[in-house]
Amino acid sequence: MSTSDKPGAPGFASFRDFYPFYLGEHSNRTSRRLHVSGTLLALALAVAALVTGRLMLLWAVPVAGYAFAWTGHYFFERNRPATFTHPLYSLWGDLTMMVEVLTGRRPW
């Protein structure tokens, strides 16, 4: 059962199937650090926007997350972000990897 609409892109029946692929696309240490930093910054911006009521900050949430992540992919991993073919699984993967890094279950 494929979740991909794009010909040639790997399909995944579940996040459990997707996550090993995701980790393989993030094997470079610098890329992982950029992803975690971007995810943390995006979350901090979202919280700040909601807490302060400055909702204009919300435009910066995806910019911060994607800028760091795509820099990691293009310059360190030299691969194409899975966001283009699996956007929801990729977001879930970013959050999962961040939690694993912050809890010491995955190398930083």
N, C-alpha and C. Protein backbone atom coordinates (compact mmCIF):
# COMPACT_ATOMS: atom_id res chain seq x y z
N MET A 1 0.85 -1.17 0.00
CA MET A 1 0.00 0.00 0.00
C MET A 1 0.89 1.24 0.00
N SER A 2 0.85 2.01 -1.05
CA SER A 2 1.71 3.18 -1.20
C SER A 2 1.01 4.46 -0.77
N THR A 3 1.76 5.32 -0.09
CA THR A 3 1.20 6.62 0.30
C THR A 3 1.72 7.72 -0.61
N SER A 4 2.53 7.34 -1.59
CA SER A 4 3.14 8.34 -2.45
C SER A 4 2.35 8.55 -3.72
N ASP A 5 2.16 9.80 -4.11
CA ASP A 5 1.50 10.13 -5.37
C ASP A 5 2.51 10.30 -6.49
N LYS A 6 3.77 10.30 -6.17
CA LYS A 6 4.81 10.59 -7.14
C LYS A 6 5.41 9.30 -7.68
N PRO A 7 5.42 9.10 -9.00
CA PRO A 7 6.01 7.88 -9.55
C PRO A 7 7.48 7.75 -9.17
N GLY A 8 7.89 6.57 -8.77
CA GLY A 8 9.27 6.31 -8.41
C GLY A 8 9.62 6.61 -6.97
N ALA A 9 8.78 7.34 -6.25
CA ALA A 9 9.04 7.64 -4.85
C ALA A 9 8.64 6.43 -4.01
N PRO A 10 9.43 6.11 -2.98
CA PRO A 10 9.06 4.96 -2.15
C PRO A 10 7.74 5.21 -1.43
N GLY A 11 6.92 4.19 -1.38
CA GLY A 11 5.65 4.30 -0.67
C GLY A 11 5.76 3.63 0.69
N PHE A 12 5.00 4.11 1.64
CA PHE A 12 5.05 3.58 3.00
C PHE A 12 3.64 3.40 3.51
N ALA A 13 3.38 2.24 4.11
CA ALA A 13 2.06 1.94 4.63
C ALA A 13 1.82 2.60 5.99
N SER A 14 2.91 2.96 6.69
CA SER A 14 2.77 3.53 8.02
C SER A 14 4.02 4.33 8.36
N PHE A 15 3.92 5.13 9.43
CA PHE A 15 5.09 5.86 9.89
C PHE A 15 6.17 4.89 10.33
N ARG A 16 5.79 3.79 10.91
CA ARG A 16 6.76 2.77 11.35
C ARG A 16 7.59 2.28 10.15
N ASP A 17 6.96 2.15 9.00
CA ASP A 17 7.69 1.77 7.78
C ASP A 17 8.56 2.91 7.26
N PHE A 18 8.07 4.14 7.41
CA PHE A 18 8.75 5.31 6.89
C PHE A 18 9.99 5.69 7.71
N TYR A 19 9.94 5.54 9.04
CA TYR A 19 10.98 6.09 9.91
C TYR A 19 12.38 5.55 9.62
N PRO A 20 12.57 4.25 9.35
CA PRO A 20 13.93 3.81 8.99
C PRO A 20 14.45 4.50 7.73
N PHE A 21 13.59 4.72 6.75
CA PHE A 21 13.98 5.47 5.55
C PHE A 21 14.38 6.89 5.95
N TYR A 22 13.56 7.53 6.77
CA TYR A 22 13.82 8.89 7.24
C TYR A 22 15.19 8.97 7.92
N LEU A 23 15.47 8.03 8.81
CA LEU A 23 16.76 8.04 9.51
C LEU A 23 17.93 7.87 8.54
N GLY A 24 17.73 7.04 7.53
CA GLY A 24 18.78 6.86 6.52
C GLY A 24 19.07 8.13 5.74
N GLU A 25 18.06 8.96 5.59
CA GLU A 25 18.21 10.23 4.89
C GLU A 25 18.81 11.31 5.79
N HIS A 26 19.03 10.98 7.07
CA HIS A 26 19.57 11.92 8.05
C HIS A 26 20.75 11.30 8.79
N SER A 27 21.62 10.63 8.05
CA SER A 27 22.75 9.94 8.68
C SER A 27 23.91 10.88 9.00
N ASN A 28 23.96 12.03 8.35
CA ASN A 28 25.03 12.99 8.59
C ASN A 28 24.78 13.75 9.89
N ARG A 29 25.78 13.80 10.73
CA ARG A 29 25.66 14.42 12.06
C ARG A 29 25.28 15.90 11.97
N THR A 30 25.91 16.62 11.06
CA THR A 30 25.62 18.05 10.92
C THR A 30 24.18 18.25 10.45
N SER A 31 23.74 17.41 9.54
CA SER A 31 22.36 17.50 9.06
C SER A 31 21.37 17.25 10.20
N ARG A 32 21.63 16.25 11.04
CA ARG A 32 20.75 15.99 12.19
C ARG A 32 20.73 17.19 13.13
N ARG A 33 21.89 17.77 13.37
CA ARG A 33 21.96 18.93 14.25
C ARG A 33 21.17 20.11 13.67
N LEU A 34 21.27 20.31 12.38
CA LEU A 34 20.50 21.37 11.74
C LEU A 34 19.00 21.10 11.84
N HIS A 35 18.61 19.85 11.62
CA HIS A 35 17.19 19.49 11.72
C HIS A 35 16.65 19.74 13.13
N VAL A 36 17.38 19.27 14.11
CA VAL A 36 16.92 19.44 15.50
C VAL A 36 16.88 20.92 15.86
N SER A 37 17.89 21.67 15.46
CA SER A 37 17.91 23.11 15.75
C SER A 37 16.74 23.82 15.08
N GLY A 38 16.48 23.50 13.82
CA GLY A 38 15.37 24.11 13.11
C GLY A 38 14.03 23.75 13.71
N THR A 39 13.87 22.50 14.11
CA THR A 39 12.62 22.06 14.73
C THR A 39 12.40 22.76 16.06
N LEU A 40 13.45 22.85 16.87
CA LEU A 40 13.34 23.55 18.15
C LEU A 40 13.02 25.03 17.95
N LEU A 41 13.67 25.66 17.00
CA LEU A 41 13.40 27.07 16.72
C LEU A 41 11.97 27.26 16.24
N ALA A 42 11.51 26.39 15.36
CA ALA A 42 10.13 26.49 14.86
C ALA A 42 9.13 26.33 16.00
N LEU A 43 9.37 25.37 16.88
CA LEU A 43 8.47 25.18 18.03
C LEU A 43 8.51 26.39 18.96
N ALA A 44 9.70 26.94 19.20
CA ALA A 44 9.82 28.12 20.07
C ALA A 44 9.08 29.31 19.46
N LEU A 45 9.19 29.50 18.17
CA LEU A 45 8.47 30.59 17.50
C LEU A 45 6.96 30.41 17.60
N ALA A 46 6.50 29.18 17.43
CA ALA A 46 5.06 28.91 17.53
C ALA A 46 4.55 29.20 18.94
N VAL A 47 5.29 28.75 19.93
CA VAL A 47 4.89 29.00 21.32
C VAL A 47 4.92 30.50 21.62
N ALA A 48 5.98 31.17 21.18
CA ALA A 48 6.09 32.62 21.42
C ALA A 48 4.93 33.37 20.77
N ALA A 49 4.58 32.98 19.56
CA ALA A 49 3.46 33.64 18.86
C ALA A 49 2.16 33.46 19.63
N LEU A 50 1.93 32.26 20.12
CA LEU A 50 0.68 31.99 20.83
C LEU A 50 0.65 32.62 22.22
N VAL A 51 1.78 32.60 22.92
CA VAL A 51 1.84 33.15 24.28
C VAL A 51 1.74 34.68 24.26
N THR A 52 2.43 35.30 23.31
CA THR A 52 2.44 36.77 23.27
C THR A 52 1.29 37.36 22.46
N GLY A 53 0.62 36.52 21.70
CA GLY A 53 -0.45 37.01 20.85
C GLY A 53 0.06 37.65 19.57
N ARG A 54 1.36 37.58 19.34
CA ARG A 54 1.95 38.15 18.11
C ARG A 54 1.89 37.08 17.01
N LEU A 55 0.71 36.90 16.48
CA LEU A 55 0.47 35.82 15.51
C LEU A 55 1.24 36.00 14.20
N MET A 56 1.74 37.19 13.95
CA MET A 56 2.57 37.41 12.76
C MET A 56 3.85 36.57 12.81
N LEU A 57 4.25 36.16 14.01
CA LEU A 57 5.43 35.30 14.14
C LEU A 57 5.21 33.92 13.52
N LEU A 58 3.96 33.55 13.35
CA LEU A 58 3.67 32.21 12.83
C LEU A 58 4.19 32.00 11.40
N TRP A 59 4.32 33.07 10.63
CA TRP A 59 4.87 32.92 9.28
C TRP A 59 6.30 32.40 9.33
N ALA A 60 7.01 32.70 10.42
CA ALA A 60 8.41 32.31 10.54
C ALA A 60 8.59 30.84 10.94
N VAL A 61 7.53 30.20 11.40
CA VAL A 61 7.64 28.81 11.87
C VAL A 61 8.12 27.89 10.74
N PRO A 62 7.42 27.81 9.61
CA PRO A 62 7.92 26.91 8.56
C PRO A 62 9.23 27.39 7.94
N VAL A 63 9.42 28.70 7.89
CA VAL A 63 10.67 29.23 7.33
C VAL A 63 11.86 28.74 8.16
N ALA A 64 11.76 28.85 9.47
CA ALA A 64 12.85 28.43 10.36
C ALA A 64 13.09 26.92 10.24
N GLY A 65 12.03 26.16 10.30
CA GLY A 65 12.18 24.71 10.22
C GLY A 65 12.77 24.26 8.90
N TYR A 66 12.22 24.76 7.80
CA TYR A 66 12.69 24.33 6.48
C TYR A 66 14.07 24.86 6.15
N ALA A 67 14.39 26.08 6.54
CA ALA A 67 15.71 26.64 6.23
C ALA A 67 16.82 25.78 6.80
N PHE A 68 16.69 25.39 8.05
CA PHE A 68 17.72 24.55 8.68
C PHE A 68 17.74 23.16 8.06
N ALA A 69 16.56 22.55 7.91
CA ALA A 69 16.48 21.19 7.41
C ALA A 69 16.98 21.09 5.97
N TRP A 70 16.54 21.98 5.11
CA TRP A 70 16.95 21.90 3.72
C TRP A 70 18.42 22.22 3.53
N THR A 71 18.97 23.06 4.39
CA THR A 71 20.42 23.29 4.35
C THR A 71 21.15 21.98 4.64
N GLY A 72 20.67 21.24 5.63
CA GLY A 72 21.26 19.94 5.95
C GLY A 72 21.18 18.96 4.80
N HIS A 73 20.03 18.93 4.12
CA HIS A 73 19.88 18.00 3.00
C HIS A 73 20.75 18.38 1.82
N TYR A 74 20.71 19.63 1.42
CA TYR A 74 21.40 20.04 0.21
C TYR A 74 22.92 20.10 0.36
N PHE A 75 23.42 20.52 1.51
CA PHE A 75 24.86 20.71 1.66
C PHE A 75 25.58 19.57 2.39
N PHE A 76 24.87 18.81 3.20
CA PHE A 76 25.54 17.77 3.98
C PHE A 76 25.09 16.36 3.61
N GLU A 77 23.80 16.14 3.45
CA GLU A 77 23.30 14.82 3.06
C GLU A 77 23.39 14.63 1.55
N ARG A 78 23.26 15.72 0.83
CA ARG A 78 23.22 15.71 -0.63
C ARG A 78 22.09 14.80 -1.15
N ASN A 79 20.92 14.98 -0.55
CA ASN A 79 19.74 14.26 -0.99
C ASN A 79 18.53 15.20 -1.00
N ARG A 80 17.44 14.71 -1.48
CA ARG A 80 16.22 15.51 -1.60
C ARG A 80 15.35 15.27 -0.36
N PRO A 81 14.90 16.33 0.29
CA PRO A 81 14.07 16.16 1.49
C PRO A 81 12.82 15.33 1.20
N ALA A 82 12.49 14.43 2.12
CA ALA A 82 11.29 13.62 1.98
C ALA A 82 10.02 14.46 2.13
N THR A 83 10.17 15.69 2.57
CA THR A 83 9.03 16.61 2.70
C THR A 83 8.29 16.73 1.38
N PHE A 84 9.01 16.63 0.27
CA PHE A 84 8.39 16.80 -1.04
C PHE A 84 7.46 15.65 -1.40
N THR A 85 7.74 14.46 -0.88
CA THR A 85 6.91 13.30 -1.22
C THR A 85 6.08 12.80 -0.05
N HIS A 86 6.53 13.05 1.17
CA HIS A 86 5.84 12.57 2.38
C HIS A 86 5.83 13.67 3.45
N PRO A 87 5.09 14.76 3.23
CA PRO A 87 5.18 15.90 4.14
C PRO A 87 4.77 15.61 5.59
N LEU A 88 3.70 14.87 5.79
CA LEU A 88 3.26 14.61 7.17
C LEU A 88 4.19 13.63 7.88
N TYR A 89 4.59 12.57 7.19
CA TYR A 89 5.54 11.63 7.79
C TYR A 89 6.87 12.34 8.08
N SER A 90 7.28 13.25 7.22
CA SER A 90 8.53 13.98 7.45
C SER A 90 8.46 14.86 8.68
N LEU A 91 7.34 15.55 8.85
CA LEU A 91 7.16 16.36 10.06
C LEU A 91 7.18 15.47 11.29
N TRP A 92 6.48 14.37 11.24
CA TRP A 92 6.46 13.41 12.35
C TRP A 92 7.88 12.89 12.60
N GLY A 93 8.61 12.62 11.53
CA GLY A 93 9.99 12.16 11.66
C GLY A 93 10.88 13.21 12.32
N ASP A 94 10.71 14.48 11.92
CA ASP A 94 11.48 15.57 12.53
C ASP A 94 11.24 15.63 14.03
N LEU A 95 9.97 15.56 14.41
CA LEU A 95 9.63 15.63 15.84
C LEU A 95 10.13 14.41 16.60
N THR A 96 10.01 13.24 15.99
CA THR A 96 10.47 12.01 16.63
C THR A 96 11.98 12.03 16.80
N MET A 97 12.71 12.40 15.75
CA MET A 97 14.17 12.45 15.83
C MET A 97 14.61 13.49 16.86
N MET A 98 13.93 14.64 16.92
CA MET A 98 14.27 15.66 17.91
C MET A 98 14.13 15.11 19.33
N VAL A 99 13.01 14.43 19.59
CA VAL A 99 12.80 13.86 20.92
C VAL A 99 13.87 12.81 21.23
N GLU A 100 14.19 11.99 20.25
CA GLU A 100 15.23 10.96 20.46
C GLU A 100 16.59 11.59 20.74
N VAL A 101 16.92 12.67 20.03
CA VAL A 101 18.20 13.35 20.26
C VAL A 101 18.21 13.99 21.65
N LEU A 102 17.12 14.67 22.00
CA LEU A 102 17.06 15.37 23.29
C LEU A 102 17.05 14.41 24.48
N THR A 103 16.56 13.20 24.28
CA THR A 103 16.52 12.22 25.37
C THR A 103 17.74 11.29 25.34
N GLY A 104 18.65 11.52 24.39
CA GLY A 104 19.88 10.72 24.33
C GLY A 104 19.72 9.38 23.64
N ARG A 105 18.59 9.11 23.04
CA ARG A 105 18.38 7.84 22.35
C ARG A 105 18.96 7.83 20.95
N ARG A 106 19.29 9.01 20.41
CA ARG A 106 19.90 9.12 19.09
C ARG A 106 21.07 10.08 19.21
N PRO A 107 22.18 9.78 18.52
CA PRO A 107 23.37 10.67 18.62
C PRO A 107 23.06 12.07 18.12
N TRP A 108 23.59 13.04 18.80
CA TRP A 108 23.46 14.45 18.45
C TRP A 108 24.58 14.77 17.52
